[in-house]
Amino acid sequence: MKNSRRRFLKLLAACSSAVATRPVAALAAPAGATPPRRARRPAHPAPPSAPTAALRAEIERQQRDLAKTLKTLRDYPLEPGSDPAFVLAPMRAERKS
């Protein structure tokens, strides 16, 4: 328990010192300096490029394969009243020793 308390106090001290020294960094900036401006996004983003023929063919192939797999799963015969495929059961948490 001492180890975790020491680790916590070290973290607290590090965060406190970071917060305490933050204003000093702002004071170190030249008086006339202004913060850099954020770059603006274009008003109208460029339209996405059209997919290539190979990409369209691959997407169509994957859609066909997915439809075939779903049809196989949906057509699988199940007996009325059969057990579900899975059951979620709560597990007890293990105590740390």
Protein backbone atom coordinates (compact mmCIF):
# COMPACT_ATOMS: atom_id res chain seq x y z
CA MET A 1 0.00 0.00 0.00
CA LYS A 2 2.89 2.37 0.70
CA ASN A 3 4.17 1.93 -2.82
CA SER A 4 0.90 3.01 -4.41
CA ARG A 5 0.58 5.97 -2.00
CA ARG A 6 4.12 7.10 -2.84
CA ARG A 7 3.43 6.75 -6.55
CA PHE A 8 0.24 8.80 -6.17
CA LEU A 9 2.05 11.55 -4.24
CA LYS A 10 4.80 11.71 -6.88
CA LEU A 11 2.18 12.07 -9.61
CA LEU A 12 0.37 14.77 -7.62
CA ALA A 13 3.61 16.68 -7.11
CA ALA A 14 4.51 16.46 -10.80
CA CYS A 15 1.08 17.74 -11.88
CA SER A 16 1.18 20.55 -9.34
CA SER A 17 4.59 21.70 -10.50
CA ALA A 18 3.48 21.60 -14.14
CA VAL A 19 0.47 23.77 -13.36
CA ALA A 20 2.53 26.14 -11.25
CA THR A 21 5.20 26.68 -13.93
CA ARG A 22 2.75 27.13 -16.81
CA PRO A 23 2.21 30.90 -16.35
CA VAL A 24 6.00 31.45 -16.30
CA ALA A 25 6.25 30.08 -19.83
CA ALA A 26 3.60 32.57 -21.01
CA LEU A 27 5.50 35.46 -19.41
CA ALA A 28 8.70 34.44 -21.18
CA ALA A 29 7.17 35.21 -24.61
CA PRO A 30 8.10 38.59 -26.16
CA ALA A 31 5.61 41.38 -25.46
CA GLY A 32 4.77 42.03 -29.13
CA ALA A 33 4.45 38.38 -30.09
CA THR A 34 1.02 37.12 -30.99
CA PRO A 35 -0.01 33.49 -30.91
CA PRO A 36 0.20 31.74 -34.28
CA ARG A 37 -3.05 31.59 -36.24
CA ARG A 38 -4.70 28.32 -36.98
CA ALA A 39 -4.86 27.37 -40.62
CA ARG A 40 -8.33 27.70 -42.05
CA ARG A 41 -10.02 24.82 -43.74
CA PRO A 42 -11.12 25.44 -47.31
CA ALA A 43 -14.78 26.47 -47.60
CA HIS A 44 -15.52 23.69 -50.07
CA PRO A 45 -13.48 20.50 -49.66
CA ALA A 46 -12.40 18.75 -52.81
CA PRO A 47 -14.83 16.04 -53.93
CA PRO A 48 -13.62 12.48 -53.41
CA SER A 49 -12.12 10.85 -56.45
CA ALA A 50 -14.14 8.22 -58.28
CA PRO A 51 -13.26 4.62 -57.33
CA THR A 52 -11.25 2.68 -59.85
CA ALA A 53 -12.70 -0.26 -61.76
CA ALA A 54 -10.64 -2.70 -59.71
CA LEU A 55 -11.92 -1.21 -56.45
CA ARG A 56 -15.53 -1.37 -57.63
CA ALA A 57 -15.08 -4.99 -58.71
CA GLU A 58 -13.58 -5.90 -55.31
CA ILE A 59 -16.44 -4.22 -53.44
CA GLU A 60 -19.01 -6.07 -55.57
CA ARG A 61 -17.20 -9.38 -54.96
CA GLN A 62 -17.18 -8.80 -51.20
CA GLN A 63 -20.88 -7.86 -51.24
CA ARG A 64 -21.71 -11.08 -53.13
CA ASP A 65 -19.65 -13.16 -50.69
CA LEU A 66 -21.30 -11.49 -47.69
CA ALA A 67 -24.78 -12.07 -49.12
CA LYS A 68 -23.93 -15.72 -49.76
CA THR A 69 -22.63 -16.18 -46.19
CA LEU A 70 -25.68 -14.50 -44.66
CA LYS A 71 -28.01 -16.67 -46.77
CA THR A 72 -26.20 -19.79 -45.57
CA LEU A 73 -26.50 -18.72 -41.93
CA ARG A 74 -30.15 -17.74 -42.24
CA ASP A 75 -31.11 -20.95 -44.04
CA TYR A 76 -29.51 -23.20 -41.41
CA PRO A 77 -32.27 -25.33 -39.88
CA LEU A 78 -32.77 -25.03 -36.12
CA GLU A 79 -35.00 -27.27 -34.08
CA PRO A 80 -37.85 -25.49 -32.28
CA GLY A 81 -36.86 -24.73 -28.69
CA SER A 82 -33.15 -25.34 -29.27
CA ASP A 83 -30.58 -23.71 -26.98
CA PRO A 84 -29.31 -20.25 -27.95
CA ALA A 85 -25.90 -19.99 -29.54
CA PHE A 86 -24.44 -18.26 -26.49
CA VAL A 87 -25.45 -17.24 -23.00
CA LEU A 88 -24.04 -14.30 -21.10
CA ALA A 89 -23.47 -15.11 -17.46
CA PRO A 90 -22.02 -12.71 -14.88
CA MET A 91 -18.61 -13.61 -13.48
CA ARG A 92 -17.43 -12.82 -9.98
CA ALA A 93 -14.48 -10.49 -9.69
CA GLU A 94 -11.31 -12.03 -8.32
CA ARG A 95 -10.00 -10.51 -5.13
CA LYS A 96 -6.44 -9.26 -5.12
CA SER A 97 -4.33 -10.81 -2.43
